[in-house]
C-alpha atoms as a PDB file:
ATOM      1  CA  UNK A   1      14.336   1.145 -17.515  1.00  0.00           C
ATOM      2  CA  UNK A   2      12.854  -0.482 -14.890  1.00  0.00           C
ATOM      3  CA  UNK A   3      14.646  -2.414 -12.283  1.00  0.00           C
ATOM      4  CA  UNK A   4      14.766  -6.134 -11.931  1.00  0.00           C
ATOM      5  CA  UNK A   5      15.172  -6.313  -8.911  1.00  0.00           C
ATOM      6  CA  UNK A   6      11.627  -4.118  -7.850  1.00  0.00           C
ATOM      7  CA  UNK A   7       9.515  -6.168  -8.112  1.00  0.00           C
ATOM      8  CA  UNK A   8       5.206  -4.073  -7.493  1.00  0.00           C
ATOM      9  CA  UNK A   9       2.573  -6.304  -6.096  1.00  0.00           C
ATOM     10  CA  UNK A  10      -1.213  -5.235  -5.616  1.00  0.00           C
ATOM     11  CA  UNK A  11      -3.254  -7.632  -3.894  1.00  0.00           C
ATOM     12  CA  UNK A  12      -6.240  -7.453  -5.028  1.00  0.00           C
ATOM     13  CA  UNK A  13     -10.489  -9.106  -3.743  1.00  0.00           C
ATOM     14  CA  UNK A  14     -13.476  -9.016  -4.267  1.00  0.00           C
ATOM     15  CA  UNK A  15     -14.512  -9.239  -0.981  1.00  0.00           C
ATOM     16  CA  UNK A  16     -14.967  -6.490   0.807  1.00  0.00           C
ATOM     17  CA  UNK A  17     -17.979  -5.375   1.916  1.00  0.00           C
ATOM     18  CA  UNK A  18     -18.941  -2.034   2.136  1.00  0.00           C
ATOM     19  CA  UNK A  19     -18.486  -1.334  -1.368  1.00  0.00           C
ATOM     20  CA  UNK A  20     -19.291  -5.443  -3.151  1.00  0.00           C
ATOM     21  CA  UNK A  21     -16.384  -6.272  -6.036  1.00  0.00           C
ATOM     22  CA  UNK A  22     -14.948  -2.704  -5.322  1.00  0.00           C
ATOM     23  CA  UNK A  23     -11.638  -3.288  -8.291  1.00  0.00           C
ATOM     24  CA  UNK A  24     -14.441  -3.263 -10.666  1.00  0.00           C
ATOM     25  CA  UNK A  25     -15.746  -0.216  -9.915  1.00  0.00           C
ATOM     26  CA  UNK A  26     -15.757   1.842 -12.808  1.00  0.00           C
ATOM     27  CA  UNK A  27     -13.950   5.540 -12.348  1.00  0.00           C
ATOM     28  CA  UNK A  28     -13.685   7.399 -14.852  1.00  0.00           C
ATOM     29  CA  UNK A  29     -14.651   5.418 -17.598  1.00  0.00           C
ATOM     30  CA  UNK A  30     -12.134   2.847 -16.309  1.00  0.00           C
ATOM     31  CA  UNK A  31     -11.757  -0.461 -13.440  1.00  0.00           C
ATOM     32  CA  UNK A  32     -10.015   1.479  -9.582  1.00  0.00           C
ATOM     33  CA  UNK A  33      -7.878  -1.810 -10.129  1.00  0.00           C
ATOM     34  CA  UNK A  34      -6.981  -0.795 -14.152  1.00  0.00           C
ATOM     35  CA  UNK A  35      -6.117   3.518 -12.120  1.00  0.00           C
ATOM     36  CA  UNK A  36      -3.661   1.491  -9.863  1.00  0.00           C
ATOM     37  CA  UNK A  37      -1.889  -0.291 -12.158  1.00  0.00           C
ATOM     38  CA  UNK A  38      -1.483   2.327 -13.970  1.00  0.00           C
ATOM     39  CA  UNK A  39      -0.136   5.026 -11.396  1.00  0.00           C
ATOM     40  CA  UNK A  40       2.392   1.805 -10.554  1.00  0.00           C
ATOM     41  CA  UNK A  41       3.807   2.170 -14.128  1.00  0.00           C
ATOM     42  CA  UNK A  42       3.980   5.720 -14.335  1.00  0.00           C
ATOM     43  CA  UNK A  43       6.728   5.423 -11.315  1.00  0.00           C
ATOM     44  CA  UNK A  44       8.569   3.225 -13.066  1.00  0.00           C
ATOM     45  CA  UNK A  45      10.321   1.476  -9.939  1.00  0.00           C
ATOM     46  CA  UNK A  46       9.717  -1.945 -11.701  1.00  0.00           C
ATOM     47  CA  UNK A  47       7.822  -4.678 -13.360  1.00  0.00           C
ATOM     48  CA  UNK A  48       4.394  -4.506 -11.915  1.00  0.00           C
ATOM     49  CA  UNK A  49       1.738  -7.308 -11.216  1.00  0.00           C
ATOM     50  CA  UNK A  50      -1.739  -7.679 -10.587  1.00  0.00           C
ATOM     51  CA  UNK A  51      -2.327 -10.807  -7.726  1.00  0.00           C
ATOM     52  CA  UNK A  52      -6.016 -11.721  -7.269  1.00  0.00           C
ATOM     53  CA  UNK A  53      -8.050 -14.863  -6.985  1.00  0.00           C
ATOM     54  CA  UNK A  54     -10.426 -14.028  -9.260  1.00  0.00           C
ATOM     55  CA  UNK A  55     -10.999 -14.291 -12.829  1.00  0.00           C
ATOM     56  CA  UNK A  56     -13.340 -11.316 -13.399  1.00  0.00           C
ATOM     57  CA  UNK A  57     -10.495  -8.903 -12.508  1.00  0.00           C
ATOM     58  CA  UNK A  58      -7.121 -10.379 -13.912  1.00  0.00           C
ATOM     59  CA  UNK A  59      -9.779 -10.344 -16.765  1.00  0.00           C
ATOM     60  CA  UNK A  60      -9.913  -6.268 -16.687  1.00  0.00           C
ATOM     61  CA  UNK A  61      -6.245  -6.055 -16.051  1.00  0.00           C
ATOM     62  CA  UNK A  62      -5.630  -8.243 -19.326  1.00  0.00           C
ATOM     63  CA  UNK A  63      -8.087  -6.299 -20.763  1.00  0.00           C
ATOM     64  CA  UNK A  64      -5.763  -3.246 -20.287  1.00  0.00           C
ATOM     65  CA  UNK A  65      -2.772  -4.101 -20.755  1.00  0.00           C
ATOM     66  CA  UNK A  66      -1.453  -5.287 -17.122  1.00  0.00           C
ATOM     67  CA  UNK A  67       0.123  -9.212 -16.121  1.00  0.00           C
ATOM     68  CA  UNK A  68      -1.710 -10.721 -13.020  1.00  0.00           C
ATOM     69  CA  UNK A  69      -0.431 -13.998 -10.814  1.00  0.00           C
ATOM     70  CA  UNK A  70      -3.343 -15.713 -10.151  1.00  0.00           C
ATOM     71  CA  UNK A  71      -3.318 -17.076  -5.918  1.00  0.00           C
ATOM     72  CA  UNK A  72      -5.297 -18.289  -3.435  1.00  0.00           C
ATOM     73  CA  UNK A  73      -8.693 -17.980  -2.154  1.00  0.00           C
ATOM     74  CA  UNK A  74      -7.407 -18.703   1.814  1.00  0.00           C
ATOM     75  CA  UNK A  75      -5.350 -15.617   2.290  1.00  0.00           C
ATOM     76  CA  UNK A  76      -5.568 -13.821   5.484  1.00  0.00           C
ATOM     77  CA  UNK A  77      -3.666 -10.986   4.340  1.00  0.00           C
ATOM     78  CA  UNK A  78      -2.622  -8.847   1.334  1.00  0.00           C
ATOM     79  CA  UNK A  79       0.615  -9.311   2.547  1.00  0.00           C
ATOM     80  CA  UNK A  80      -0.359 -13.516   2.214  1.00  0.00           C
ATOM     81  CA  UNK A  81      -1.427 -12.815  -0.963  1.00  0.00           C
ATOM     82  CA  UNK A  82       2.121 -11.346  -2.230  1.00  0.00           C
ATOM     83  CA  UNK A  83       4.096 -13.324  -0.588  1.00  0.00           C
ATOM     84  CA  UNK A  84       2.791 -16.688  -3.068  1.00  0.00           C
ATOM     85  CA  UNK A  85       2.399 -14.100  -6.103  1.00  0.00           C
ATOM     86  CA  UNK A  86       6.363 -13.501  -5.761  1.00  0.00           C
ATOM     87  CA  UNK A  87       7.007 -17.375  -5.451  1.00  0.00           C
ATOM     88  CA  UNK A  88       5.401 -17.399  -8.733  1.00  0.00           C
ATOM     89  CA  UNK A  89       6.238 -14.918 -10.608  1.00  0.00           C
ATOM     90  CA  UNK A  90       9.933 -15.234  -9.975  1.00  0.00           C
ATOM     91  CA  UNK A  91      10.770 -18.201  -8.180  1.00  0.00           C
ATOM     92  CA  UNK A  92      14.533 -18.169  -9.323  1.00  0.00           C
ATOM     93  CA  UNK A  93      14.989 -15.397  -6.319  1.00  0.00           C
ATOM     94  CA  UNK A  94      16.085 -12.184  -8.490  1.00  0.00           C
ATOM     95  CA  UNK A  95      13.579  -9.155  -7.027  1.00  0.00           C
ATOM     96  CA  UNK A  96      14.918  -8.175  -3.880  1.00  0.00           C
ATOM     97  CA  UNK A  97      12.980  -5.730  -2.909  1.00  0.00           C
ATOM     98  CA  UNK A  98       9.061  -6.052  -3.277  1.00  0.00           C
ATOM     99  CA  UNK A  99       6.337  -2.737  -3.547  1.00  0.00           C
ATOM    100  CA  UNK A 100       2.875  -4.539  -1.779  1.00  0.00           C
ATOM    101  CA  UNK A 101       0.742  -1.474  -2.820  1.00  0.00           C
ATOM    102  CA  UNK A 102      -2.752  -1.608  -2.316  1.00  0.00           C
ATOM    103  CA  UNK A 103      -5.769  -1.565  -5.142  1.00  0.00           C
ATOM    104  CA  UNK A 104      -8.047   1.281  -3.653  1.00  0.00           C
ATOM    105  CA  UNK A 105      -5.623   3.493  -3.826  1.00  0.00           C
ATOM    106  CA  UNK A 106      -6.659   4.343  -7.655  1.00  0.00           C
ATOM    107  CA  UNK A 107      -5.644   8.469  -6.889  1.00  0.00           C
ATOM    108  CA  UNK A 108      -2.002   7.761  -5.637  1.00  0.00           C
ATOM    109  CA  UNK A 109       0.995  10.461  -7.088  1.00  0.00           C
ATOM    110  CA  UNK A 110       3.569   8.357  -8.578  1.00  0.00           C
ATOM    111  CA  UNK A 111       6.359  10.017  -7.125  1.00  0.00           C
ATOM    112  CA  UNK A 112       4.419   8.290  -4.032  1.00  0.00           C
ATOM    113  CA  UNK A 113       5.090   5.114  -4.915  1.00  0.00           C
ATOM    114  CA  UNK A 114       8.726   5.741  -5.553  1.00  0.00           C
ATOM    115  CA  UNK A 115       8.975   7.543  -2.241  1.00  0.00           C
ATOM    116  CA  UNK A 116       8.855   3.832  -0.987  1.00  0.00           C
ATOM    117  CA  UNK A 117      12.210   2.546  -1.451  1.00  0.00           C
ATOM    118  CA  UNK A 118      13.875   5.290   0.065  1.00  0.00           C
ATOM    119  CA  UNK A 119      13.972   4.535   3.584  1.00  0.00           C
ATOM    120  CA  UNK A 120      15.164   1.071   2.449  1.00  0.00           C
ATOM    121  CA  UNK A 121      18.825   2.532   1.394  1.00  0.00           C
ATOM    122  CA  UNK A 122      19.929   1.687   4.827  1.00  0.00           C
ATOM    123  CA  UNK A 123      20.805  -1.953   5.231  1.00  0.00           C
ATOM    124  CA  UNK A 124      19.065  -1.735   9.270  1.00  0.00           C
ATOM    125  CA  UNK A 125      15.771  -0.976   7.417  1.00  0.00           C
ATOM    126  CA  UNK A 126      13.409  -4.531   6.618  1.00  0.00           C
ATOM    127  CA  UNK A 127      10.402  -2.598   5.812  1.00  0.00           C
ATOM    128  CA  UNK A 128      10.060   0.931   4.846  1.00  0.00           C
ATOM    129  CA  UNK A 129       6.197   2.570   4.966  1.00  0.00           C
ATOM    130  CA  UNK A 130       5.184   6.093   4.056  1.00  0.00           C
ATOM    131  CA  UNK A 131       3.052   8.468   5.918  1.00  0.00           C
ATOM    132  CA  UNK A 132       1.724  12.813   5.730  1.00  0.00           C
ATOM    133  CA  UNK A 133       1.737  15.182   8.609  1.00  0.00           C
ATOM    134  CA  UNK A 134      -2.185  15.386  10.062  1.00  0.00           C
ATOM    135  CA  UNK A 135      -3.446  18.975   9.234  1.00  0.00           C
ATOM    136  CA  UNK A 136      -7.171  18.304  10.828  1.00  0.00           C
ATOM    137  CA  UNK A 137      -8.749  17.305  14.066  1.00  0.00           C
ATOM    138  CA  UNK A 138     -10.923  15.347  12.555  1.00  0.00           C
ATOM    139  CA  UNK A 139      -7.929  13.388  10.973  1.00  0.00           C
ATOM    140  CA  UNK A 140      -6.126  13.166  14.363  1.00  0.00           C
ATOM    141  CA  UNK A 141      -9.308  11.518  16.402  1.00  0.00           C
ATOM    142  CA  UNK A 142     -10.447   9.529  13.951  1.00  0.00           C
ATOM    143  CA  UNK A 143      -9.980   5.639  14.373  1.00  0.00           C
ATOM    144  CA  UNK A 144      -9.894   4.873  10.885  1.00  0.00           C
ATOM    145  CA  UNK A 145      -7.072   7.391  10.140  1.00  0.00           C
ATOM    146  CA  UNK A 146      -4.097   5.479  10.880  1.00  0.00           C
ATOM    147  CA  UNK A 147      -1.369   7.133  13.276  1.00  0.00           C
ATOM    148  CA  UNK A 148       2.267   5.766  12.720  1.00  0.00           C
ATOM    149  CA  UNK A 149       4.583   7.218  15.994  1.00  0.00           C
ATOM    150  CA  UNK A 150       8.083   7.565  15.077  1.00  0.00           C
ATOM    151  CA  UNK A 151      11.714   8.749  16.471  1.00  0.00           C
ATOM    152  CA  UNK A 152      12.942  11.547  13.756  1.00  0.00           C
ATOM    153  CA  UNK A 153      16.262  10.551  11.878  1.00  0.00           C
ATOM    154  CA  UNK A 154      16.116  13.059   9.738  1.00  0.00           C
ATOM    155  CA  UNK A 155      13.042  16.067   8.818  1.00  0.00           C
ATOM    156  CA  UNK A 156      11.382  13.772   6.116  1.00  0.00           C
ATOM    157  CA  UNK A 157      11.699  10.083   7.394  1.00  0.00           C
ATOM    158  CA  UNK A 158      10.985   8.716  10.857  1.00  0.00           C
ATOM    159  CA  UNK A 159      11.800   5.526  12.403  1.00  0.00           C
ATOM    160  CA  UNK A 160       8.427   3.685  13.671  1.00  0.00           C
ATOM    161  CA  UNK A 161       7.985   2.651  17.051  1.00  0.00           C
ATOM    162  CA  UNK A 162       4.109   1.873  16.811  1.00  0.00           C
ATOM    163  CA  UNK A 163       0.996   1.780  14.396  1.00  0.00           C
ATOM    164  CA  UNK A 164      -2.712   2.741  15.834  1.00  0.00           C
ATOM    165  CA  UNK A 165      -5.825   3.932  15.638  1.00  0.00           C
ATOM    166  CA  UNK A 166      -5.979   6.272  18.718  1.00  0.00           C
ATOM    167  CA  UNK A 167      -4.927  10.405  18.812  1.00  0.00           C
ATOM    168  CA  UNK A 168      -1.131   9.409  19.397  1.00  0.00           C
ATOM    169  CA  UNK A 169       1.451  10.752  20.579  1.00  0.00           C
ATOM    170  CA  UNK A 170      -0.485  12.566  23.590  1.00  0.00           C
ATOM    171  CA  UNK A 171       1.137  17.001  23.553  1.00  0.00           C
ATOM    172  CA  UNK A 172       1.568  19.418  21.289  1.00  0.00           C
ATOM    173  CA  UNK A 173       3.640  18.391  18.141  1.00  0.00           C
ATOM    174  CA  UNK A 174       3.067  16.458  15.087  1.00  0.00           C
ATOM    175  CA  UNK A 175       1.402  13.845  14.259  1.00  0.00           C
ATOM    176  CA  UNK A 176       1.314  11.317  11.164  1.00  0.00           C
ATOM    177  CA  UNK A 177      -1.162   9.191   9.286  1.00  0.00           C
ATOM    178  CA  UNK A 178      -0.726   6.207   7.523  1.00  0.00           C
ATOM    179  CA  UNK A 179      -0.198   5.520   3.929  1.00  0.00           C
ATOM    180  CA  UNK A 180      -0.940   1.858   3.874  1.00  0.00           C
ATOM    181  CA  UNK A 181       2.332   1.748   0.833  1.00  0.00           C
ATOM    182  CA  UNK A 182       5.196  -1.258   2.225  1.00  0.00           C
ATOM    183  CA  UNK A 183       8.339  -1.819   0.152  1.00  0.00           C
ATOM    184  CA  UNK A 184      10.158  -4.896   1.732  1.00  0.00           C
ATOM    185  CA  UNK A 185      13.062  -6.473   1.744  1.00  0.00           C
ATOM    186  CA  UNK A 186      12.366  -9.824   0.280  1.00  0.00           C
ATOM    187  CA  UNK A 187      14.058 -11.693   2.982  1.00  0.00           C
ATOM    188  CA  UNK A 188      11.862  -9.280   5.404  1.00  0.00           C
ATOM    189  CA  UNK A 189       8.230 -10.007   3.456  1.00  0.00           C
ATOM    190  CA  UNK A 190       9.050 -14.272   4.217  1.00  0.00           C
ATOM    191  CA  UNK A 191       9.446 -13.716   7.508  1.00  0.00           C
ATOM    192  CA  UNK A 192       6.661 -11.757   8.445  1.00  0.00           C
ATOM    193  CA  UNK A 193       4.166 -14.155   6.410  1.00  0.00           C
ATOM    194  CA  UNK A 194       5.801 -16.675   8.790  1.00  0.00           C
ATOM    195  CA  UNK A 195       4.945 -14.857  12.016  1.00  0.00           C
ATOM    196  CA  UNK A 196       1.966 -16.091  13.500  1.00  0.00           C
ATOM    197  CA  UNK A 197      -0.662 -12.463  14.126  1.00  0.00           C
ATOM    198  CA  UNK A 198       0.511 -11.064  17.162  1.00  0.00           C
ATOM    199  CA  UNK A 199      -1.224  -9.667  19.785  1.00  0.00           C
ATOM    200  CA  UNK A 200      -1.445  -5.961  19.490  1.00  0.00           C
ATOM    201  CA  UNK A 201      -1.557  -6.943  15.688  1.00  0.00           C
ATOM    202  CA  UNK A 202      -4.507  -8.291  16.559  1.00  0.00           C
ATOM    203  CA  UNK A 203      -5.934  -5.733  19.410  1.00  0.00           C
ATOM    204  CA  UNK A 204      -5.195  -2.633  16.821  1.00  0.00           C
ATOM    205  CA  UNK A 205      -6.688  -4.819  13.862  1.00  0.00           C
ATOM    206  CA  UNK A 206      -2.843  -3.211  12.117  1.00  0.00           C
ATOM    207  CA  UNK A 207      -0.758  -5.789  10.416  1.00  0.00           C
ATOM    208  CA  UNK A 208       2.161  -4.170  10.634  1.00  0.00           C
ATOM    209  CA  UNK A 209       2.385  -4.249  14.523  1.00  0.00           C
ATOM    210  CA  UNK A 210       3.421  -7.668  13.528  1.00  0.00           C
ATOM    211  CA  UNK A 211       7.291  -6.944  12.118  1.00  0.00           C
ATOM    212  CA  UNK A 212       7.569  -4.929  14.954  1.00  0.00           C
ATOM    213  CA  UNK A 213       6.529  -7.319  18.006  1.00  0.00           C
ATOM    214  CA  UNK A 214       8.676  -9.253  16.637  1.00  0.00           C
ATOM    215  CA  UNK A 215      11.822  -6.684  16.653  1.00  0.00           C
ATOM    216  CA  UNK A 216      11.761  -5.391  12.899  1.00  0.00           C
ATOM    217  CA  UNK A 217      12.630  -2.750  11.853  1.00  0.00           C
ATOM    218  CA  UNK A 218      10.552  -0.131   9.820  1.00  0.00           C
ATOM    219  CA  UNK A 219      11.584   3.542   8.703  1.00  0.00           C
ATOM    220  CA  UNK A 220       8.503   5.816   7.256  1.00  0.00           C
ATOM    221  CA  UNK A 221       8.989   8.149   4.935  1.00  0.00           C
ATOM    222  CA  UNK A 222       7.460  11.525   4.931  1.00  0.00           C
ATOM    223  CA  UNK A 223       5.308  12.766   1.761  1.00  0.00           C
ATOM    224  CA  UNK A 224       2.885  15.688   1.586  1.00  0.00           C
ATOM    225  CA  UNK A 225       0.443  14.329   0.072  1.00  0.00           C
ATOM    226  CA  UNK A 226      -2.470  11.319   1.263  1.00  0.00           C
ATOM    227  CA  UNK A 227      -4.180   9.594  -0.965  1.00  0.00           C
ATOM    228  CA  UNK A 228      -7.585   8.023  -1.109  1.00  0.00           C
ATOM    229  CA  UNK A 229      -8.097   5.000  -0.307  1.00  0.00           C
ATOM    230  CA  UNK A 230     -11.848   3.803  -1.308  1.00  0.00           C
ATOM    231  CA  UNK A 231     -13.616   2.167   1.269  1.00  0.00           C
ATOM    232  CA  UNK A 232     -17.300   3.666   0.887  1.00  0.00           C
ATOM    233  CA  UNK A 233     -19.468   5.122  -1.102  1.00  0.00           C
ATOM    234  CA  UNK A 234     -18.725   8.529  -0.795  1.00  0.00           C
ATOM    235  CA  UNK A 235     -14.373   8.004  -1.012  1.00  0.00           C
ATOM    236  CA  UNK A 236     -15.502   6.549  -4.279  1.00  0.00           C
ATOM    237  CA  UNK A 237     -17.894   9.728  -5.158  1.00  0.00           C
ATOM    238  CA  UNK A 238     -14.312  11.424  -4.500  1.00  0.00           C
ATOM    239  CA  UNK A 239     -12.562   9.311  -6.532  1.00  0.00           C
ATOM    240  CA  UNK A 240     -14.429   9.173  -9.246  1.00  0.00           C
ATOM    241  CA  UNK A 241     -14.426  13.646  -8.770  1.00  0.00           C
ATOM    242  CA  UNK A 242     -10.128  14.100  -8.745  1.00  0.00           C
ATOM    243  CA  UNK A 243      -9.527  12.360 -11.842  1.00  0.00           C
ATOM    244  CA  UNK A 244     -12.584  13.126 -13.363  1.00  0.00           C
ATOM    245  CA  UNK A 245     -11.037  16.287 -13.493  1.00  0.00           C
ATOM    246  CA  UNK A 246      -7.307  14.712 -14.131  1.00  0.00           C
ATOM    247  CA  UNK A 247      -8.873  13.925 -17.169  1.00  0.00           C
ATOM    248  CA  UNK A 248     -10.562  16.817 -18.128  1.00  0.00           C
ATOM    249  CA  UNK A 249      -7.612  18.506 -17.732  1.00  0.00           C
ATOM    250  CA  UNK A 250      -5.167  16.559 -19.095  1.00  0.00           C
ATOM    251  CA  UNK A 251      -7.668  16.752 -22.743  1.00  0.00           C
ATOM    252  CA  UNK A 252      -7.788  20.472 -21.805  1.00  0.00           C
END
């Protein structure tokens, strides 16, 4: 039984420049967005819907039994898109927590999706997200890998201080790869989308810095794996291999 207070929203659009039509690309016989939808359902935490402005994406989702909410085409970010979707799906305000699951995480594990809720057990936390420890120098120095910098609260939790594309923090000790999955308290999402883009957000090209600059609290759950986002043709081939192998093991 899923929790009616939790809404899992998957923003999806066709405008990716490096992989045109990304949500509908075939992976192991299904569109990528359908894989993400299935992982969200398997997590079993709440109602799941895809928020899109594209009829082709909507058709793919409904064909596979998913729920869709159509949103405007001019949203600057996924957060703005899920905020509009929230208002349409839940006008009475019954949902208290909104999970923003990116539509290009076809290999994300359902337990990772569940893990993002844990920090919100603390009423002082506005937004929860995830990170995994970095184990290679290539990952530590890659500007496409966003690093989460935070103060340890427990072995599996950080209070976020900063997010950056740079190699950080300096010196010996752990570094963490940020995973772009968020759980917002409803009021926090509403406040976040009402704020203008912040200076550090614009400099680093990282939306979550807007929340930190506004004094909102983000806590980070530490998990043991990083789901592969699909941004390049190489990422797509990796996801195809992973999910083809998973299908073979399930069917074998």
